[in-house]
Structures are given as structure tokens and as C-alpha cells.
């Protein structure tokens, strides 16, 4: 299993959040890798097209890791 963890500034990037994830994943026993992915806004235009509010509009994007 591969875990994909999105680093959203102010939401999921706190050291405590990452530590909690590491503890949880270490107990699963079947995880091959964990990918930490930077937040991006590529889906924002789809929200606009559907007239659905994009709740993370004000969050800044992180540079690629």
C-alpha cells in the first residue's frame, strides 16, 4: 500500500500532524511507502465551472518537493 499525504499550509503541515500520521502508518504493517505531496490548486477551475466554492482558495501553494 502507498500512502499519499497532502501538505496543506496551515492545515496538515504541522509537525504534530506528520508525527501522528507516521505513528498511524507504522502500525499498519503493509505500507510500502509514504509520499508527501505539496498542495496545489489545479482543481480550482473545476469548482468554478460547477459553481461550487473552493474552500482552499486562500491557501498558498507550496513549491514542488
PDB file of N, CA and C in Angstrom:
ATOM      1  N   UNK A   1       0.841  -1.163   0.000  1.00  0.00           N
ATOM      2  CA  UNK A   1       0.000   0.000   0.000  1.00  0.00           C
ATOM      3  C   UNK A   1       0.898   1.241   0.000  1.00  0.00           C
ATOM      4  N   UNK A   2       0.455   2.253  -0.699  1.00  0.00           N
ATOM      5  CA  UNK A   2       1.154   3.538  -0.747  1.00  0.00           C
ATOM      6  C   UNK A   2       0.241   4.603  -0.132  1.00  0.00           C
ATOM      7  N   UNK A   3       0.785   5.363   0.807  1.00  0.00           N
ATOM      8  CA  UNK A   3       0.043   6.450   1.435  1.00  0.00           C
ATOM      9  C   UNK A   3       0.452   7.756   0.762  1.00  0.00           C
ATOM     10  N   UNK A   4      -0.524   8.555   0.365  1.00  0.00           N
ATOM     11  CA  UNK A   4      -0.252   9.870  -0.219  1.00  0.00           C
ATOM     12  C   UNK A   4      -0.774  10.920   0.747  1.00  0.00           C
ATOM     13  N   UNK A   5       0.127  11.758   1.248  1.00  0.00           N
ATOM     14  CA  UNK A   5      -0.207  12.765   2.258  1.00  0.00           C
ATOM     15  C   UNK A   5       0.001  14.150   1.665  1.00  0.00           C
ATOM     16  N   UNK A   6      -1.068  14.929   1.606  1.00  0.00           N
ATOM     17  CA  UNK A   6      -1.006  16.265   1.034  1.00  0.00           C
ATOM     18  C   UNK A   6      -0.628  17.262   2.129  1.00  0.00           C
ATOM     19  N   UNK A   7       0.421  18.027   1.895  1.00  0.00           N
ATOM     20  CA  UNK A   7       0.861  19.059   2.833  1.00  0.00           C
ATOM     21  C   UNK A   7       0.166  20.371   2.486  1.00  0.00           C
ATOM     22  N   UNK A   8      -0.871  20.697   3.258  1.00  0.00           N
ATOM     23  CA  UNK A   8      -1.636  21.929   3.055  1.00  0.00           C
ATOM     24  C   UNK A   8      -1.208  22.920   4.132  1.00  0.00           C
ATOM     25  N   UNK A   9      -0.602  24.050   3.735  1.00  0.00           N
ATOM     26  CA  UNK A   9      -0.136  25.028   4.719  1.00  0.00           C
ATOM     27  C   UNK A   9      -1.248  25.448   5.687  1.00  0.00           C
ATOM     28  N   UNK A  10      -0.950  25.333   6.978  1.00  0.00           N
ATOM     29  CA  UNK A  10      -1.908  25.719   7.994  1.00  0.00           C
ATOM     30  C   UNK A  10      -2.953  24.663   8.323  1.00  0.00           C
ATOM     31  N   UNK A  11      -2.995  23.573   7.577  1.00  0.00           N
ATOM     32  CA  UNK A  11      -3.983  22.519   7.812  1.00  0.00           C
ATOM     33  C   UNK A  11      -3.315  21.197   8.162  1.00  0.00           C
ATOM     34  N   UNK A  12      -2.388  20.739   7.332  1.00  0.00           N
ATOM     35  CA  UNK A  12      -1.798  19.404   7.535  1.00  0.00           C
ATOM     36  C   UNK A  12      -0.274  19.433   7.595  1.00  0.00           C
ATOM     37  N   UNK A  13       0.313  20.616   7.665  1.00  0.00           N
ATOM     38  CA  UNK A  13       1.774  20.703   7.616  1.00  0.00           C
ATOM     39  C   UNK A  13       2.429  20.833   8.992  1.00  0.00           C
ATOM     40  N   UNK A  14       1.660  20.815  10.056  1.00  0.00           N
ATOM     41  CA  UNK A  14       2.234  20.916  11.390  1.00  0.00           C
ATOM     42  C   UNK A  14       3.004  19.644  11.720  1.00  0.00           C
ATOM     43  N   UNK A  15       4.102  19.798  12.421  1.00  0.00           N
ATOM     44  CA  UNK A  15       4.931  18.655  12.787  1.00  0.00           C
ATOM     45  C   UNK A  15       4.114  17.613  13.551  1.00  0.00           C
ATOM     46  N   UNK A  16       3.214  18.056  14.397  1.00  0.00           N
ATOM     47  CA  UNK A  16       2.372  17.128  15.164  1.00  0.00           C
ATOM     48  C   UNK A  16       1.506  16.270  14.234  1.00  0.00           C
ATOM     49  N   UNK A  17       0.960  16.873  13.180  1.00  0.00           N
ATOM     50  CA  UNK A  17       0.133  16.130  12.219  1.00  0.00           C
ATOM     51  C   UNK A  17       0.955  15.070  11.493  1.00  0.00           C
ATOM     52  N   UNK A  18       2.150  15.438  11.089  1.00  0.00           N
ATOM     53  CA  UNK A  18       3.021  14.494  10.380  1.00  0.00           C
ATOM     54  C   UNK A  18       3.451  13.371  11.321  1.00  0.00           C
ATOM     55  N   UNK A  19       3.759  13.704  12.574  1.00  0.00           N
ATOM     56  CA  UNK A  19       4.110  12.680  13.566  1.00  0.00           C
ATOM     57  C   UNK A  19       2.949  11.715  13.792  1.00  0.00           C
ATOM     58  N   UNK A  20       1.730  12.257  13.883  1.00  0.00           N
ATOM     59  CA  UNK A  20       0.552  11.405  14.062  1.00  0.00           C
ATOM     60  C   UNK A  20       0.387  10.452  12.886  1.00  0.00           C
ATOM     61  N   UNK A  21       0.578  10.950  11.687  1.00  0.00           N
ATOM     62  CA  UNK A  21       0.488  10.104  10.503  1.00  0.00           C
ATOM     63  C   UNK A  21       1.552   9.007  10.556  1.00  0.00           C
ATOM     64  N   UNK A  22       2.778   9.373  10.895  1.00  0.00           N
ATOM     65  CA  UNK A  22       3.869   8.395  10.957  1.00  0.00           C
ATOM     66  C   UNK A  22       3.553   7.290  11.962  1.00  0.00           C
ATOM     67  N   UNK A  23       3.020   7.659  13.118  1.00  0.00           N
ATOM     68  CA  UNK A  23       2.645   6.661  14.124  1.00  0.00           C
ATOM     69  C   UNK A  23       1.564   5.722  13.588  1.00  0.00           C
ATOM     70  N   UNK A  24       0.553   6.304  12.971  1.00  0.00           N
ATOM     71  CA  UNK A  24      -0.549   5.505  12.421  1.00  0.00           C
ATOM     72  C   UNK A  24      -0.042   4.550  11.345  1.00  0.00           C
ATOM     73  N   UNK A  25       0.737   5.065  10.417  1.00  0.00           N
ATOM     74  CA  UNK A  25       1.229   4.253   9.307  1.00  0.00           C
ATOM     75  C   UNK A  25       2.149   3.135   9.802  1.00  0.00           C
ATOM     76  N   UNK A  26       2.953   3.427  10.825  1.00  0.00           N
ATOM     77  CA  UNK A  26       3.881   2.416  11.329  1.00  0.00           C
ATOM     78  C   UNK A  26       3.144   1.219  11.929  1.00  0.00           C
ATOM     79  N   UNK A  27       1.895   1.417  12.354  1.00  0.00           N
ATOM     80  CA  UNK A  27       1.110   0.325  12.931  1.00  0.00           C
ATOM     81  C   UNK A  27       0.395  -0.513  11.868  1.00  0.00           C
ATOM     82  N   UNK A  28       0.323  -0.035  10.645  1.00  0.00           N
ATOM     83  CA  UNK A  28      -0.400  -0.763   9.597  1.00  0.00           C
ATOM     84  C   UNK A  28       0.350  -2.003   9.127  1.00  0.00           C
ATOM     85  N   UNK A  29       1.664  -1.917   9.031  1.00  0.00           N
ATOM     86  CA  UNK A  29       2.464  -3.073   8.663  1.00  0.00           C
ATOM     87  C   UNK A  29       2.496  -3.438   7.187  1.00  0.00           C
ATOM     88  N   UNK A  30       1.642  -2.881   6.371  1.00  0.00           N
ATOM     89  CA  UNK A  30       1.612  -3.254   4.955  1.00  0.00           C
ATOM     90  C   UNK A  30       1.936  -2.081   4.031  1.00  0.00           C
ATOM     91  N   UNK A  31       2.418  -0.989   4.592  1.00  0.00           N
ATOM     92  CA  UNK A  31       2.700   0.214   3.809  1.00  0.00           C
ATOM     93  C   UNK A  31       4.093   0.108   3.195  1.00  0.00           C
ATOM     94  N   UNK A  32       4.159   0.239   1.884  1.00  0.00           N
ATOM     95  CA  UNK A  32       5.434   0.174   1.179  1.00  0.00           C
ATOM     96  C   UNK A  32       6.140   1.519   1.167  1.00  0.00           C
ATOM     97  N   UNK A  33       5.352   2.602   1.081  1.00  0.00           N
ATOM     98  CA  UNK A  33       5.955   3.934   1.063  1.00  0.00           C
ATOM     99  C   UNK A  33       4.910   4.992   1.412  1.00  0.00           C
ATOM    100  N   UNK A  34       5.409   6.154   1.790  1.00  0.00           N
ATOM    101  CA  UNK A  34       4.566   7.313   2.061  1.00  0.00           C
ATOM    102  C   UNK A  34       5.069   8.452   1.186  1.00  0.00           C
ATOM    103  N   UNK A  35       4.179   9.024   0.395  1.00  0.00           N
ATOM    104  CA  UNK A  35       4.518  10.161  -0.456  1.00  0.00           C
ATOM    105  C   UNK A  35       3.964  11.433   0.173  1.00  0.00           C
ATOM    106  N   UNK A  36       4.822  12.399   0.444  1.00  0.00           N
ATOM    107  CA  UNK A  36       4.397  13.713   0.918  1.00  0.00           C
ATOM    108  C   UNK A  36       4.277  14.611  -0.307  1.00  0.00           C
ATOM    109  N   UNK A  37       3.073  15.093  -0.565  1.00  0.00           N
ATOM    110  CA  UNK A  37       2.804  15.861  -1.775  1.00  0.00           C
ATOM    111  C   UNK A  37       2.456  17.300  -1.427  1.00  0.00           C
ATOM    112  N   UNK A  38       2.998  18.263  -2.182  1.00  0.00           N
ATOM    113  CA  UNK A  38       2.669  19.664  -1.917  1.00  0.00           C
ATOM    114  C   UNK A  38       1.262  20.001  -2.408  1.00  0.00           C
ATOM    115  N   UNK A  39       0.591  20.854  -1.674  1.00  0.00           N
ATOM    116  CA  UNK A  39      -0.744  21.321  -2.059  1.00  0.00           C
ATOM    117  C   UNK A  39      -0.660  22.133  -3.347  1.00  0.00           C
ATOM    118  N   UNK A  40      -1.647  21.970  -4.211  1.00  0.00           N
ATOM    119  CA  UNK A  40      -1.759  22.787  -5.423  1.00  0.00           C
ATOM    120  C   UNK A  40      -3.231  23.120  -5.648  1.00  0.00           C
ATOM    121  N   UNK A  41      -3.485  24.006  -6.570  1.00  0.00           N
ATOM    122  CA  UNK A  41      -4.856  24.460  -6.841  1.00  0.00           C
ATOM    123  C   UNK A  41      -5.335  24.076  -8.238  1.00  0.00           C
ATOM    124  N   UNK A  42      -4.848  22.986  -8.770  1.00  0.00           N
ATOM    125  CA  UNK A  42      -5.220  22.606 -10.128  1.00  0.00           C
ATOM    126  C   UNK A  42      -6.713  22.288 -10.275  1.00  0.00           C
ATOM    127  N   UNK A  43      -7.372  21.909  -9.202  1.00  0.00           N
ATOM    128  CA  UNK A  43      -8.798  21.593  -9.274  1.00  0.00           C
ATOM    129  C   UNK A  43      -9.706  22.793  -9.064  1.00  0.00           C
ATOM    130  N   UNK A  44      -9.142  23.968  -8.792  1.00  0.00           N
ATOM    131  CA  UNK A  44      -9.965  25.156  -8.500  1.00  0.00           C
ATOM    132  C   UNK A  44     -10.876  25.511  -9.676  1.00  0.00           C
ATOM    133  N   UNK A  45     -10.384  25.385 -10.884  1.00  0.00           N
ATOM    134  CA  UNK A  45     -11.211  25.751 -12.047  1.00  0.00           C
ATOM    135  C   UNK A  45     -12.413  24.820 -12.201  1.00  0.00           C
ATOM    136  N   UNK A  46     -12.258  23.567 -11.793  1.00  0.00           N
ATOM    137  CA  UNK A  46     -13.390  22.639 -11.854  1.00  0.00           C
ATOM    138  C   UNK A  46     -14.472  23.060 -10.860  1.00  0.00           C
ATOM    139  N   UNK A  47     -14.056  23.515  -9.685  1.00  0.00           N
ATOM    140  CA  UNK A  47     -15.021  24.018  -8.711  1.00  0.00           C
ATOM    141  C   UNK A  47     -15.783  25.203  -9.299  1.00  0.00           C
ATOM    142  N   UNK A  48     -15.049  26.127  -9.915  1.00  0.00           N
ATOM    143  CA  UNK A  48     -15.682  27.304 -10.515  1.00  0.00           C
ATOM    144  C   UNK A  48     -16.664  26.902 -11.600  1.00  0.00           C
ATOM    145  N   UNK A  49     -16.266  25.961 -12.460  1.00  0.00           N
ATOM    146  CA  UNK A  49     -17.128  25.522 -13.557  1.00  0.00           C
ATOM    147  C   UNK A  49     -18.425  24.897 -13.035  1.00  0.00           C
ATOM    148  N   UNK A  50     -18.351  24.257 -11.873  1.00  0.00           N
ATOM    149  CA  UNK A  50     -19.523  23.624 -11.276  1.00  0.00           C
ATOM    150  C   UNK A  50     -20.257  24.555 -10.313  1.00  0.00           C
ATOM    151  N   UNK A  51     -19.754  25.784 -10.188  1.00  0.00           N
ATOM    152  CA  UNK A  51     -20.317  26.769  -9.269  1.00  0.00           C
ATOM    153  C   UNK A  51     -20.325  26.253  -7.824  1.00  0.00           C
ATOM    154  N   UNK A  52     -19.221  25.594  -7.476  1.00  0.00           N
ATOM    155  CA  UNK A  52     -19.032  25.058  -6.123  1.00  0.00           C
ATOM    156  C   UNK A  52     -17.888  25.836  -5.483  1.00  0.00           C
ATOM    157  N   UNK A  53     -18.072  26.355  -4.288  1.00  0.00           N
ATOM    158  CA  UNK A  53     -16.991  27.109  -3.638  1.00  0.00           C
ATOM    159  C   UNK A  53     -15.742  26.237  -3.438  1.00  0.00           C
ATOM    160  N   UNK A  54     -14.592  26.826  -3.658  1.00  0.00           N
ATOM    161  CA  UNK A  54     -13.315  26.131  -3.446  1.00  0.00           C
ATOM    162  C   UNK A  54     -12.801  26.569  -2.077  1.00  0.00           C
ATOM    163  N   UNK A  55     -12.930  25.724  -1.049  1.00  0.00           N
ATOM    164  CA  UNK A  55     -12.642  26.139   0.327  1.00  0.00           C
ATOM    165  C   UNK A  55     -11.174  26.472   0.596  1.00  0.00           C
ATOM    166  N   UNK A  56     -10.272  26.059  -0.260  1.00  0.00           N
ATOM    167  CA  UNK A  56      -8.847  26.305  -0.029  1.00  0.00           C
ATOM    168  C   UNK A  56      -8.296  27.406  -0.936  1.00  0.00           C
ATOM    169  N   UNK A  57      -9.172  28.246  -1.459  1.00  0.00           N
ATOM    170  CA  UNK A  57      -8.766  29.292  -2.400  1.00  0.00           C
ATOM    171  C   UNK A  57      -7.687  30.211  -1.828  1.00  0.00           C
ATOM    172  N   UNK A  58      -7.762  30.532  -0.549  1.00  0.00           N
ATOM    173  CA  UNK A  58      -6.810  31.486   0.049  1.00  0.00           C
ATOM    174  C   UNK A  58      -5.510  30.835   0.531  1.00  0.00           C
ATOM    175  N   UNK A  59      -5.426  29.527   0.445  1.00  0.00           N
ATOM    176  CA  UNK A  59      -4.203  28.826   0.887  1.00  0.00           C
ATOM    177  C   UNK A  59      -3.127  28.987  -0.168  1.00  0.00           C
ATOM    178  N   UNK A  60      -1.927  29.310   0.271  1.00  0.00           N
ATOM    179  CA  UNK A  60      -0.823  29.444  -0.692  1.00  0.00           C
ATOM    180  C   UNK A  60      -0.317  28.071  -1.103  1.00  0.00           C
ATOM    181  N   UNK A  61       0.109  27.967  -2.338  1.00  0.00           N
ATOM    182  CA  UNK A  61       0.655  26.710  -2.846  1.00  0.00           C
ATOM    183  C   UNK A  61       2.099  26.560  -2.378  1.00  0.00           C
ATOM    184  N   UNK A  62       2.476  25.331  -2.135  1.00  0.00           N
ATOM    185  CA  UNK A  62       3.863  25.036  -1.769  1.00  0.00           C
ATOM    186  C   UNK A  62       4.662  24.733  -3.022  1.00  0.00           C
ATOM    187  N   UNK A  63       5.961  25.007  -3.008  1.00  0.00           N
ATOM    188  CA  UNK A  63       6.783  24.631  -4.152  1.00  0.00           C
ATOM    189  C   UNK A  63       6.923  23.103  -4.218  1.00  0.00           C
ATOM    190  N   UNK A  64       7.190  22.538  -5.386  1.00  0.00           N
ATOM    191  CA  UNK A  64       7.381  21.093  -5.501  1.00  0.00           C
ATOM    192  C   UNK A  64       8.491  20.620  -4.566  1.00  0.00           C
ATOM    193  N   UNK A  65       8.319  19.422  -4.015  1.00  0.00           N
ATOM    194  CA  UNK A  65       9.321  18.850  -3.114  1.00  0.00           C
ATOM    195  C   UNK A  65      10.499  18.279  -3.872  1.00  0.00           C
TER     196      UNK A  65
END
